[in-house]
Amino acid sequence: YSAGLNRRDIGHRFIVASAQSAAGSGAIGGKAFGKRKLVIVDEAHQVPWDEESQYRTVLSNLRSIEPTCKMLGLTASPYRLDGGVIYGVEGETPFNDIAYRVPLRKLFDAGHIVEPVTESNFSGVKIDTSRIKKTGSDFNLGALAEAFMANDNSSRIVDQTIEASARLGTNSVLIFATTVAHGREIEVDLQNKLPIWE
């Protein structure tokens, strides 16, 4: 179910939707999906505390239609910076408990994920987020991207990333961008600064 793709299929046994599409008028805040026994929320730490938020409204509507509906949240970080853990207090936190927890060390040792090499020596790039407004409980992504892209910040971060990668001898680097536009700016900068770009 995706408003952006103009696909509003609600009659299937399994439905995949973003919170924004499900909250839209076409889905009637999720009510159009009817009775559902299970709702799986990926990146569950993004469910806001605000019970009036789109996300919480959709989940509440689905549970009002089917009170026995189970909510399963998937996340590698079951907490939010603006309020702590997202489980444990029924009626207040989005989820009741953790069903399964696996330590990262176990995943590293089993070869399921690659242990990251982090760099803590970045200097000279300070991003001022004090004036960035929040949308719901999170920073407004557009304003956050503007802050990262201002004053040649992205280019300086790329320079330091290239230098740290060479010093640490890494084969690959993962860079998180705030938006697609910010990611493209980083990509162009990397293309211009690296002799081989894949």
Protein backbone atom coordinates (compact mmCIF):
# COMPACT_ATOMS: atom_id res chain seq x y z
CA TYR A 1 0.00 0.00 0.00
CA SER A 2 1.77 3.15 -1.18
CA ALA A 3 0.18 6.52 -1.86
CA GLY A 4 3.36 7.64 -3.66
CA LEU A 5 3.20 4.71 -6.07
CA ASN A 6 -0.57 5.08 -6.40
CA ARG A 7 -1.02 1.50 -5.14
CA ARG A 8 -3.82 1.11 -2.64
CA ASP A 9 -4.24 -2.64 -2.39
CA ILE A 10 -5.99 -3.46 0.87
CA GLY A 11 -7.60 -6.81 0.19
CA HIS A 12 -4.50 -8.97 0.47
CA ARG A 13 -3.51 -11.19 3.36
CA PHE A 14 -0.22 -9.31 3.74
CA ILE A 15 0.06 -5.55 3.32
CA VAL A 16 3.30 -3.54 3.35
CA ALA A 17 2.90 0.18 3.96
CA SER A 18 4.75 3.17 5.37
CA ALA A 19 3.24 4.95 8.36
CA GLN A 20 2.68 8.02 6.19
CA SER A 21 0.70 6.10 3.56
CA ALA A 22 -1.27 4.19 6.19
CA ALA A 23 -2.13 7.42 8.00
CA GLY A 24 -3.39 9.07 4.83
CA SER A 25 -7.03 9.73 4.01
CA GLY A 26 -7.12 6.84 1.51
CA ALA A 27 -6.31 4.33 4.24
CA ILE A 28 -8.42 6.18 6.82
CA GLY A 29 -5.58 6.15 9.34
CA GLY A 30 -5.07 2.41 8.86
CA LYS A 31 -8.74 1.55 9.34
CA ALA A 32 -9.10 0.60 5.67
CA PHE A 33 -6.83 -2.40 6.31
CA GLY A 34 -9.55 -4.01 8.41
CA LYS A 35 -8.92 -6.70 11.00
CA ARG A 36 -5.27 -7.66 11.26
CA LYS A 37 -3.89 -10.21 13.70
CA LEU A 38 -0.27 -9.04 13.45
CA VAL A 39 1.40 -5.73 12.67
CA ILE A 40 5.17 -5.78 12.18
CA VAL A 41 6.87 -2.42 12.65
CA ASP A 42 10.36 -2.25 11.16
CA GLU A 43 12.71 0.33 12.67
CA ALA A 44 10.41 0.37 15.70
CA HIS A 45 12.52 3.01 17.46
CA GLN A 46 11.00 5.52 15.03
CA VAL A 47 7.56 5.15 16.61
CA PRO A 48 7.13 8.50 18.43
CA TRP A 49 6.01 8.94 22.03
CA ASP A 50 3.22 11.27 20.96
CA GLU A 51 0.01 9.24 20.90
CA GLU A 52 -1.47 11.74 18.44
CA SER A 53 1.32 11.15 15.89
CA GLN A 54 0.53 9.50 12.56
CA TYR A 55 2.36 6.34 13.54
CA ARG A 56 0.68 5.91 16.92
CA THR A 57 -2.74 6.78 15.44
CA VAL A 58 -2.42 4.05 12.81
CA LEU A 59 -1.37 1.47 15.41
CA SER A 60 -4.18 2.54 17.74
CA ASN A 61 -6.75 2.35 14.94
CA LEU A 62 -5.63 -1.14 13.95
CA ARG A 63 -5.91 -2.29 17.55
CA SER A 64 -9.36 -0.71 17.94
CA ILE A 65 -10.59 -2.77 14.99
CA GLU A 66 -8.91 -5.96 16.25
CA PRO A 67 -8.21 -5.70 20.02
CA THR A 68 -6.18 -8.92 20.01
CA CYS A 69 -3.87 -7.60 17.28
CA LYS A 70 -0.22 -8.21 18.17
CA MET A 71 2.34 -5.47 17.53
CA LEU A 72 5.86 -6.72 16.80
CA GLY A 73 8.56 -4.07 16.67
CA LEU A 74 11.92 -4.78 15.04
CA THR A 75 14.90 -2.61 15.90
CA ALA A 76 18.58 -2.75 16.73
CA SER A 77 18.13 0.10 19.22
CA PRO A 78 14.99 -0.16 21.38
CA TYR A 79 15.15 3.39 22.70
CA ARG A 80 14.61 6.96 21.59
CA LEU A 81 16.84 9.88 22.52
CA ASP A 82 13.78 11.94 23.41
CA GLY A 83 12.35 9.54 25.98
CA GLY A 84 14.31 6.38 26.66
CA VAL A 85 13.34 2.77 26.04
CA ILE A 86 10.33 2.08 23.81
CA TYR A 87 9.04 -0.84 25.85
CA GLY A 88 8.09 -1.78 29.38
CA VAL A 89 5.20 0.39 30.51
CA GLU A 90 1.89 -0.81 29.10
CA GLY A 91 -0.24 2.05 27.86
CA GLU A 92 2.69 4.49 27.85
CA THR A 93 5.47 2.96 25.78
CA PRO A 94 4.79 1.78 22.22
CA PHE A 95 5.73 -1.84 23.06
CA ASN A 96 5.33 -3.98 26.17
CA ASP A 97 8.54 -5.99 26.26
CA ILE A 98 11.50 -7.37 24.32
CA ALA A 99 10.78 -10.79 22.86
CA TYR A 100 14.31 -11.51 21.67
CA ARG A 101 17.61 -9.77 22.22
CA VAL A 102 20.90 -10.75 20.64
CA PRO A 103 24.21 -9.15 21.64
CA LEU A 104 26.16 -7.53 18.80
CA ARG A 105 29.26 -9.48 19.83
CA LYS A 106 27.43 -12.73 19.07
CA LEU A 107 26.51 -11.45 15.60
CA PHE A 108 30.09 -10.29 14.96
CA ASP A 109 31.57 -13.61 16.10
CA ALA A 110 29.11 -15.63 13.99
CA GLY A 111 29.95 -13.58 10.90
CA HIS A 112 26.38 -12.31 10.45
CA ILE A 113 27.51 -8.70 10.50
CA VAL A 114 30.87 -7.04 10.07
CA GLU A 115 32.32 -5.41 13.14
CA PRO A 116 32.58 -1.70 12.43
CA VAL A 117 35.77 0.28 12.77
CA THR A 118 34.85 3.66 14.17
CA GLU A 119 36.81 6.87 14.00
CA SER A 120 36.64 9.26 16.92
CA ASN A 121 39.29 11.73 15.77
CA PHE A 122 37.07 13.87 13.55
CA SER A 123 37.75 17.49 14.31
CA GLY A 124 36.87 20.90 13.00
CA VAL A 125 33.37 20.02 11.76
CA LYS A 126 30.70 21.19 14.15
CA ILE A 127 27.08 20.96 13.07
CA ASP A 128 24.80 23.36 14.95
CA THR A 129 21.49 21.58 15.50
CA SER A 130 20.25 23.93 18.23
CA ARG A 131 17.91 25.85 15.88
CA ILE A 132 16.57 22.86 13.95
CA LYS A 133 12.90 22.33 14.67
CA LYS A 134 11.48 18.91 15.27
CA THR A 135 8.78 17.20 13.26
CA GLY A 136 7.00 14.94 15.69
CA SER A 137 9.85 13.87 17.96
CA ASP A 138 12.59 13.86 15.34
CA PHE A 139 14.65 16.56 13.68
CA ASN A 140 13.11 17.98 10.53
CA LEU A 141 15.15 16.17 7.86
CA GLY A 142 15.13 19.06 5.40
CA ALA A 143 16.50 21.48 7.98
CA LEU A 144 18.98 18.88 9.21
CA ALA A 145 20.25 18.36 5.66
CA GLU A 146 20.65 22.12 5.21
CA ALA A 147 22.79 22.26 8.37
CA PHE A 148 25.01 19.41 7.16
CA MET A 149 25.31 20.88 3.66
CA ALA A 150 26.03 24.45 4.85
CA ASN A 151 29.51 25.96 5.13
CA ASP A 152 31.14 23.14 3.14
CA ASN A 153 30.48 20.76 6.07
CA SER A 154 29.89 17.71 3.88
CA SER A 155 33.12 18.24 1.96
CA ARG A 156 35.14 18.55 5.17
CA ILE A 157 33.52 15.39 6.54
CA VAL A 158 34.37 13.57 3.29
CA ASP A 159 38.00 14.76 3.53
CA GLN A 160 38.30 13.46 7.07
CA THR A 161 36.57 10.19 6.13
CA ILE A 162 39.01 9.57 3.26
CA GLU A 163 41.98 10.35 5.50
CA ALA A 164 40.72 8.11 8.33
CA SER A 165 39.96 5.26 5.93
CA ALA A 166 43.48 5.40 4.51
CA ARG A 167 45.02 5.56 7.99
CA LEU A 168 42.94 2.65 9.30
CA GLY A 169 43.34 0.57 6.13
CA THR A 170 39.62 -0.06 5.68
CA ASN A 171 38.27 -1.71 2.53
CA SER A 172 34.90 -0.03 2.71
CA VAL A 173 33.20 2.86 4.46
CA LEU A 174 29.57 3.38 5.39
CA ILE A 175 28.43 7.00 5.37
CA PHE A 176 24.97 7.99 6.57
CA ALA A 177 23.37 11.01 4.94
CA THR A 178 20.41 12.99 6.24
CA THR A 179 18.47 13.07 2.95
CA VAL A 180 18.83 11.92 -0.67
CA ALA A 181 20.09 15.39 -1.65
CA HIS A 182 22.71 15.26 1.08
CA GLY A 183 23.71 11.76 -0.04
CA ARG A 184 24.13 12.95 -3.63
CA GLU A 185 26.31 15.84 -2.48
CA ILE A 186 28.54 13.36 -0.63
CA GLU A 187 28.62 11.04 -3.65
CA VAL A 188 29.71 13.82 -6.03
CA ASP A 189 32.38 14.96 -3.58
CA LEU A 190 33.72 11.39 -3.26
CA GLN A 191 33.76 11.01 -7.06
CA ASN A 192 35.78 14.20 -7.38
CA LYS A 193 38.28 13.31 -4.64
CA LEU A 194 38.91 9.59 -5.18
CA PRO A 195 40.80 8.28 -8.22
CA ILE A 196 38.68 5.12 -8.34
CA TRP A 197 34.99 5.32 -7.57
CA GLU A 198 32.70 2.32 -7.45
